[in-house]
Protein backbone atom coordinates (compact mmCIF):
# COMPACT_ATOMS: atom_id res chain seq x y z
CA MET A 1 46.49 91.33 171.03
CA GLU A 2 43.01 91.23 169.67
CA LEU A 3 40.70 88.73 171.34
CA GLY A 4 37.77 87.04 169.53
CA ILE A 5 34.29 87.80 170.75
CA ASP A 6 33.99 84.37 172.23
CA THR A 7 36.93 84.86 174.42
CA THR A 8 35.88 88.43 175.26
CA LEU A 9 32.37 87.34 176.33
CA THR A 10 33.80 84.50 178.39
CA LEU A 11 36.22 86.85 180.20
CA LEU A 12 33.27 89.20 180.79
CA ALA A 13 31.40 86.30 182.40
CA ALA A 14 34.35 85.58 184.55
CA GLY A 15 34.45 89.16 185.75
CA LEU A 16 30.77 89.25 186.47
CA ILE A 17 30.90 86.00 188.41
CA PHE A 18 33.82 87.30 190.42
CA LEU A 19 31.89 90.50 191.21
CA LEU A 20 28.92 88.39 192.21
CA ALA A 21 31.31 86.49 194.52
CA LEU A 22 32.44 89.62 196.14
CA GLY A 23 28.88 90.67 196.70
CA LEU A 24 28.03 87.26 198.19
CA GLY A 25 30.97 87.77 200.50
CA VAL A 26 29.43 90.85 201.88
CA TRP A 27 26.17 88.87 202.53
CA LYS A 28 28.21 86.14 204.18
CA TYR A 29 30.21 88.66 206.39
CA ARG A 30 26.88 90.35 207.39
CA GLN A 31 25.27 86.94 208.43
CA MET A 32 28.47 86.15 210.40
CA ALA A 33 28.49 89.50 212.17
CA VAL A 34 24.93 89.28 213.40
CA SER A 35 24.38 85.56 214.13
CA GLU A 36 24.74 84.24 217.58
CA ASN A 37 27.32 81.57 216.47
CA HIS A 38 29.06 83.97 213.99
CA LEU A 39 28.38 81.59 211.07
CA ALA A 40 26.53 82.39 207.92
CA HIS A 41 23.87 80.06 206.60
CA PRO A 42 25.55 77.07 205.03
CA TYR A 43 24.20 77.92 201.59
CA VAL A 44 25.32 81.50 201.80
CA ASP A 45 28.80 80.09 202.43
CA ILE A 46 28.50 77.67 199.70
CA ALA A 47 27.18 80.36 197.21
CA HIS A 48 30.28 82.63 198.09
CA ARG A 49 32.78 79.87 197.80
CA ALA A 50 31.23 78.40 194.66
CA ALA A 51 31.14 81.82 192.97
CA LEU A 52 34.87 82.48 193.77
CA MET A 53 35.81 79.05 192.35
CA TYR A 54 33.60 79.32 189.28
CA SER A 55 34.88 82.74 188.43
CA PHE A 56 38.45 81.33 188.18
CA ALA A 57 37.18 78.29 186.36
CA THR A 58 35.54 80.60 183.86
CA LEU A 59 38.96 82.33 183.32
CA LEU A 60 40.39 78.85 182.52
CA ILE A 61 37.60 78.26 180.08
CA ALA A 62 38.34 81.51 178.44
CA VAL A 63 41.94 80.38 177.81
CA PHE A 64 40.64 77.22 176.10
CA VAL A 65 38.25 79.27 174.10
CA GLU A 66 41.03 81.46 172.87
CA LEU A 67 43.28 78.50 171.97
CA SER A 68 40.64 76.26 170.51
CA ASP A 69 40.74 75.63 166.73
CA TRP A 70 36.91 75.36 166.43
CA PRO A 71 34.80 78.11 164.86
CA THR A 72 33.81 81.03 167.12
CA TRP A 73 30.15 79.88 167.45
CA VAL A 74 31.19 76.45 168.56
CA ASN A 75 33.60 77.85 171.21
CA LEU A 76 31.00 80.49 172.39
CA THR A 77 28.30 77.85 172.66
CA ALA A 78 30.41 75.43 174.53
CA ALA A 79 31.58 78.08 177.00
CA ALA A 80 28.09 79.45 177.34
CA VAL A 81 26.62 76.01 178.35
CA VAL A 82 29.41 75.62 180.97
CA VAL A 83 28.85 79.20 182.30
CA PHE A 84 25.08 78.73 182.43
CA PHE A 85 25.39 75.68 184.63
CA PHE A 86 27.98 77.55 186.83
CA VAL A 87 25.58 80.48 187.38
CA SER A 88 22.60 78.19 187.76
CA ALA A 89 24.36 76.33 190.60
CA ILE A 90 25.24 79.58 192.31
CA GLY A 91 21.70 80.82 191.90
CA SER A 92 20.29 77.62 193.51
CA TYR A 93 22.72 78.03 196.48
CA VAL A 94 21.54 81.80 196.81
CA VAL A 95 17.85 80.73 196.86
CA HIS A 96 18.56 78.17 199.61
CA GLY A 97 20.58 80.69 201.53
CA ALA A 98 17.97 83.30 201.33
CA ALA A 99 15.06 80.96 202.16
CA ARG A 100 17.10 79.25 204.84
CA ASP A 101 15.04 76.21 203.81
CA THR A 102 17.77 73.50 204.02
CA ASP A 103 21.30 72.88 205.01
CA ASN A 104 21.48 69.91 202.53
CA GLN A 105 19.48 70.23 199.27
CA PHE A 106 19.99 66.45 198.68
CA ALA A 107 18.30 65.49 202.03
CA HIS A 108 14.96 65.17 200.32
CA ALA A 109 16.06 65.17 196.63
CA GLY A 110 13.37 64.22 194.15
CA VAL A 111 13.50 63.52 190.43
CA PRO A 112 13.75 67.11 189.30
CA LEU A 113 16.97 67.67 191.37
CA HIS A 114 18.51 64.47 190.04
CA LEU A 115 17.54 65.41 186.39
CA SER A 116 19.10 68.86 187.02
CA MET A 117 22.24 67.37 188.32
CA LEU A 118 22.51 65.09 185.24
CA ALA A 119 22.03 68.05 182.98
CA LEU A 120 24.68 69.88 184.88
CA VAL A 121 27.22 67.06 184.56
CA VAL A 122 26.59 66.65 180.82
CA GLY A 123 26.61 70.36 180.23
CA GLU A 124 29.72 71.20 182.22
CA MET A 125 31.82 68.21 181.12
CA GLY A 126 30.49 68.17 177.55
CA GLY A 127 31.09 71.84 177.00
CA PHE A 128 34.53 71.76 178.38
CA ALA A 129 35.37 68.53 176.47
CA VAL A 130 34.48 70.38 173.26
CA LEU A 131 36.87 73.22 174.19
CA LEU A 132 39.62 70.80 175.20
CA ALA A 133 39.26 68.91 171.89
CA GLY A 134 39.44 72.24 170.08
CA PHE A 135 42.69 73.14 172.01
CA VAL A 136 44.13 69.77 171.16
CA HIS A 137 43.18 70.02 167.46
CA GLY A 138 44.62 73.43 167.20
CA GLN A 139 47.71 73.46 169.44
CA LEU A 140 49.18 69.87 169.46
CA PRO A 141 51.03 68.55 166.44
CA ALA A 142 49.31 65.78 164.66
């Protein structure tokens, strides 16, 4: 079976996010091993779990990319938008975990955070909706 470049790149993203999750697991373990309460910083834990979940979510996206009826550029763009927001979320968790600056980024949320969250919602849901529509168009009888 020959995969399209859109599917191949989405699968590569899934693999890289999973590798990141494994690395974050090492960081989490290290913090657990040396802390007095044997817990990692909350955002290190969140980053690890989010990366694991987003890696598998990216695999799901790759399936919809492969089965979508839209042109390659549409599928690749839609998948890239979703993956961008996945990685951005993980990145923000890593920053908070490394800085140990908060255990709840919404405790003192300002306009920039709320605008970022709005962009994330539109980007993730919109990107996936495009792929789901392409799947429906290509795979379900009219």
